[in-house]
C-alpha atoms as a PDB file:
ATOM      1  CA  ILE A   1     267.141 138.435  65.526  1.00  0.00           C
ATOM      2  CA  ARG A   2     267.374 142.108  66.350  1.00  0.00           C
ATOM      3  CA  LYS A   3     268.999 143.049  63.023  1.00  0.00           C
ATOM      4  CA  THR A   4     267.063 145.374  60.715  1.00  0.00           C
ATOM      5  CA  SER A   5     267.198 142.913  57.819  1.00  0.00           C
ATOM      6  CA  PHE A   6     265.686 140.138  59.951  1.00  0.00           C
ATOM      7  CA  MET A   7     262.850 142.461  61.092  1.00  0.00           C
ATOM      8  CA  ARG A   8     262.132 143.525  57.519  1.00  0.00           C
ATOM      9  CA  GLY A   9     262.050 139.913  56.395  1.00  0.00           C
ATOM     10  CA  ALA A  10     259.678 138.962  59.251  1.00  0.00           C
ATOM     11  CA  LEU A  11     257.489 141.948  58.424  1.00  0.00           C
ATOM     12  CA  THR A  12     257.442 140.948  54.778  1.00  0.00           C
ATOM     13  CA  ILE A  13     256.299 137.476  55.679  1.00  0.00           C
ATOM     14  CA  VAL A  14     253.533 138.974  57.830  1.00  0.00           C
ATOM     15  CA  CYS A  15     252.440 141.266  54.988  1.00  0.00           C
ATOM     16  CA  ILE A  16     252.341 138.351  52.564  1.00  0.00           C
ATOM     17  CA  GLY A  17     250.218 136.432  55.039  1.00  0.00           C
ATOM     18  CA  ILE A  18     247.837 139.378  55.395  1.00  0.00           C
ATOM     19  CA  TYR A  19     247.673 139.669  51.565  1.00  0.00           C
ATOM     20  CA  PHE A  20     246.756 136.005  51.054  1.00  0.00           C
ATOM     21  CA  PHE A  21     244.614 135.301  54.142  1.00  0.00           C
ATOM     22  CA  VAL A  22     242.801 138.621  54.542  1.00  0.00           C
ATOM     23  CA  PHE A  23     242.746 140.437  51.229  1.00  0.00           C
ATOM     24  CA  TRP A  24     242.562 137.452  48.877  1.00  0.00           C
ATOM     25  CA  GLY A  25     238.957 136.816  47.885  1.00  0.00           C
ATOM     26  CA  ARG A  26     237.490 139.604  50.042  1.00  0.00           C
ATOM     27  CA  ILE A  27     238.788 142.609  48.262  1.00  0.00           C
ATOM     28  CA  PRO A  28     238.949 142.851  44.408  1.00  0.00           C
ATOM     29  CA  TYR A  29     242.287 141.711  42.987  1.00  0.00           C
ATOM     30  CA  VAL A  30     243.247 145.108  41.538  1.00  0.00           C
ATOM     31  CA  ILE A  31     242.755 146.960  44.841  1.00  0.00           C
ATOM     32  CA  SER A  32     244.354 144.299  47.038  1.00  0.00           C
ATOM     33  CA  THR A  33     247.422 143.913  44.806  1.00  0.00           C
ATOM     34  CA  PHE A  34     247.864 147.680  44.548  1.00  0.00           C
ATOM     35  CA  ILE A  35     247.820 147.976  48.353  1.00  0.00           C
ATOM     36  CA  PHE A  36     250.238 145.054  48.699  1.00  0.00           C
ATOM     37  CA  LEU A  37     252.719 146.342  46.121  1.00  0.00           C
ATOM     38  CA  ALA A  38     252.616 149.934  47.466  1.00  0.00           C
ATOM     39  CA  GLY A  39     253.063 148.644  51.051  1.00  0.00           C
ATOM     40  CA  MET A  40     256.027 146.492  50.117  1.00  0.00           C
ATOM     41  CA  MET A  41     257.785 149.318  48.221  1.00  0.00           C
ATOM     42  CA  PHE A  42     257.077 151.688  51.184  1.00  0.00           C
ATOM     43  CA  LEU A  43     258.492 149.124  53.587  1.00  0.00           C
ATOM     44  CA  PHE A  44     261.667 148.796  51.539  1.00  0.00           C
ATOM     45  CA  LYS A  45     261.909 152.555  50.862  1.00  0.00           C
ATOM     46  CA  GLY A  46     261.300 152.348  47.089  1.00  0.00           C
ATOM     47  CA  GLY A  47     261.290 156.107  46.609  1.00  0.00           C
ATOM     48  CA  ALA A  48     258.913 159.045  46.830  1.00  0.00           C
ATOM     49  CA  TRP A  49     255.232 158.304  47.507  1.00  0.00           C
ATOM     50  CA  TRP A  50     254.164 159.398  44.069  1.00  0.00           C
ATOM     51  CA  LYS A  51     256.649 156.938  42.481  1.00  0.00           C
ATOM     52  CA  LEU A  52     255.255 154.151  44.643  1.00  0.00           C
ATOM     53  CA  VAL A  53     251.711 154.977  43.518  1.00  0.00           C
ATOM     54  CA  LEU A  54     252.762 155.255  39.878  1.00  0.00           C
ATOM     55  CA  VAL A  55     254.738 152.010  39.830  1.00  0.00           C
ATOM     56  CA  SER A  56     252.091 150.006  41.801  1.00  0.00           C
ATOM     57  CA  GLY A  57     249.260 151.285  39.653  1.00  0.00           C
ATOM     58  CA  SER A  58     250.995 150.649  36.352  1.00  0.00           C
ATOM     59  CA  THR A  59     252.116 147.180  37.441  1.00  0.00           C
ATOM     60  CA  VAL A  60     248.598 146.159  38.466  1.00  0.00           C
ATOM     61  CA  ALA A  61     247.156 147.643  35.293  1.00  0.00           C
ATOM     62  CA  ILE A  62     249.592 145.739  33.062  1.00  0.00           C
ATOM     63  CA  ILE A  63     249.056 142.430  34.924  1.00  0.00           C
ATOM     64  CA  TRP A  64     245.269 142.879  34.748  1.00  0.00           C
ATOM     65  CA  TYR A  65     245.326 143.719  31.071  1.00  0.00           C
ATOM     66  CA  VAL A  66     247.747 141.026  29.944  1.00  0.00           C
ATOM     67  CA  PHE A  67     246.330 138.172  32.047  1.00  0.00           C
ATOM     68  CA  GLY A  68     242.760 139.230  32.565  1.00  0.00           C
ATOM     69  CA  GLU A  69     241.943 140.680  29.141  1.00  0.00           C
ATOM     70  CA  LEU A  70     244.394 139.341  26.579  1.00  0.00           C
ATOM     71  CA  ALA A  71     244.996 135.824  27.966  1.00  0.00           C
ATOM     72  CA  MET A  72     241.495 135.704  29.458  1.00  0.00           C
ATOM     73  CA  ILE A  73     242.733 134.062  32.651  1.00  0.00           C
ATOM     74  CA  PRO A  74     240.249 134.735  35.472  1.00  0.00           C
ATOM     75  CA  LEU A  75     241.960 136.675  38.213  1.00  0.00           C
ATOM     76  CA  PRO A  76     240.752 136.262  41.804  1.00  0.00           C
END
Protein backbone atom coordinates (compact mmCIF):
# COMPACT_ATOMS: atom_id res chain seq x y z
CA ILE A 1 0.00 0.00 0.00
CA ARG A 2 2.91 2.36 0.59
CA LYS A 3 4.40 1.89 -2.87
CA THR A 4 4.57 4.90 -5.15
CA SER A 5 2.66 3.13 -7.91
CA PHE A 6 -0.23 2.34 -5.54
CA MET A 7 -0.37 5.93 -4.34
CA ARG A 8 -0.38 7.26 -7.90
CA GLY A 9 -3.17 4.85 -8.81
CA ALA A 10 -5.22 5.91 -5.79
CA LEU A 11 -4.62 9.57 -6.59
CA THR A 12 -5.67 8.95 -10.19
CA ILE A 13 -8.95 7.43 -9.02
CA VAL A 14 -9.53 10.44 -6.76
CA CYS A 15 -8.84 12.82 -9.68
CA ILE A 16 -11.26 10.93 -11.92
CA GLY A 17 -13.89 11.14 -9.18
CA ILE A 18 -13.34 14.88 -8.85
CA TYR A 19 -13.57 15.26 -12.62
CA PHE A 20 -16.89 13.44 -12.87
CA PHE A 21 -18.58 14.46 -9.62
CA VAL A 22 -17.34 18.05 -9.26
CA PHE A 23 -16.37 19.38 -12.69
CA TRP A 24 -18.90 17.50 -14.84
CA GLY A 25 -21.90 19.72 -15.53
CA ARG A 26 -20.65 22.64 -13.41
CA ILE A 27 -17.72 23.81 -15.50
CA PRO A 28 -17.79 23.89 -19.32
CA TYR A 29 -16.49 20.72 -20.96
CA VAL A 30 -13.49 22.36 -22.60
CA ILE A 31 -12.19 23.90 -19.37
CA SER A 32 -12.82 20.88 -17.14
CA THR A 33 -11.23 18.44 -19.58
CA PHE A 34 -8.22 20.70 -20.05
CA ILE A 35 -7.70 20.89 -16.28
CA PHE A 36 -8.11 17.12 -15.94
CA LEU A 37 -5.69 16.26 -18.75
CA ALA A 38 -3.07 18.74 -17.59
CA GLY A 39 -3.40 17.48 -14.03
CA MET A 40 -3.00 13.84 -15.04
CA MET A 41 0.05 14.58 -17.16
CA PHE A 42 1.55 16.64 -14.34
CA LEU A 43 0.86 13.79 -11.89
CA PHE A 44 2.65 11.29 -14.11
CA LYS A 45 5.45 13.71 -15.02
CA GLY A 46 4.57 14.08 -18.71
CA GLY A 47 7.27 16.64 -19.41
CA ALA A 48 7.79 20.37 -19.16
CA TRP A 49 4.83 22.54 -18.18
CA TRP A 50 4.57 24.11 -21.61
CA LYS A 51 4.35 20.67 -23.21
CA LEU A 52 1.55 19.74 -20.82
CA VAL A 53 -0.38 22.88 -21.73
CA LEU A 54 0.22 22.36 -25.45
CA VAL A 55 -0.81 18.70 -25.48
CA SER A 56 -3.84 19.27 -23.23
CA GLY A 57 -5.04 22.24 -25.24
CA SER A 58 -4.61 20.58 -28.61
CA THR A 59 -6.28 17.36 -27.43
CA VAL A 60 -9.31 19.22 -26.09
CA ALA A 61 -9.52 21.33 -29.25
CA ILE A 62 -9.41 18.27 -31.52
CA ILE A 63 -12.01 16.39 -29.46
CA TRP A 64 -14.29 19.44 -29.37
CA TYR A 65 -13.96 20.05 -33.10
CA VAL A 66 -14.38 16.44 -34.24
CA PHE A 67 -17.22 15.47 -31.93
CA GLY A 68 -18.86 18.81 -31.22
CA GLU A 69 -18.66 20.43 -34.65
CA LEU A 70 -18.17 17.76 -37.30
CA ALA A 71 -20.19 14.91 -35.76
CA MET A 72 -22.57 17.36 -34.02
CA ILE A 73 -22.59 15.29 -30.83
CA PRO A 74 -23.57 17.49 -27.89
CA LEU A 75 -20.74 17.59 -25.38
CA PRO A 76 -21.58 18.12 -21.71
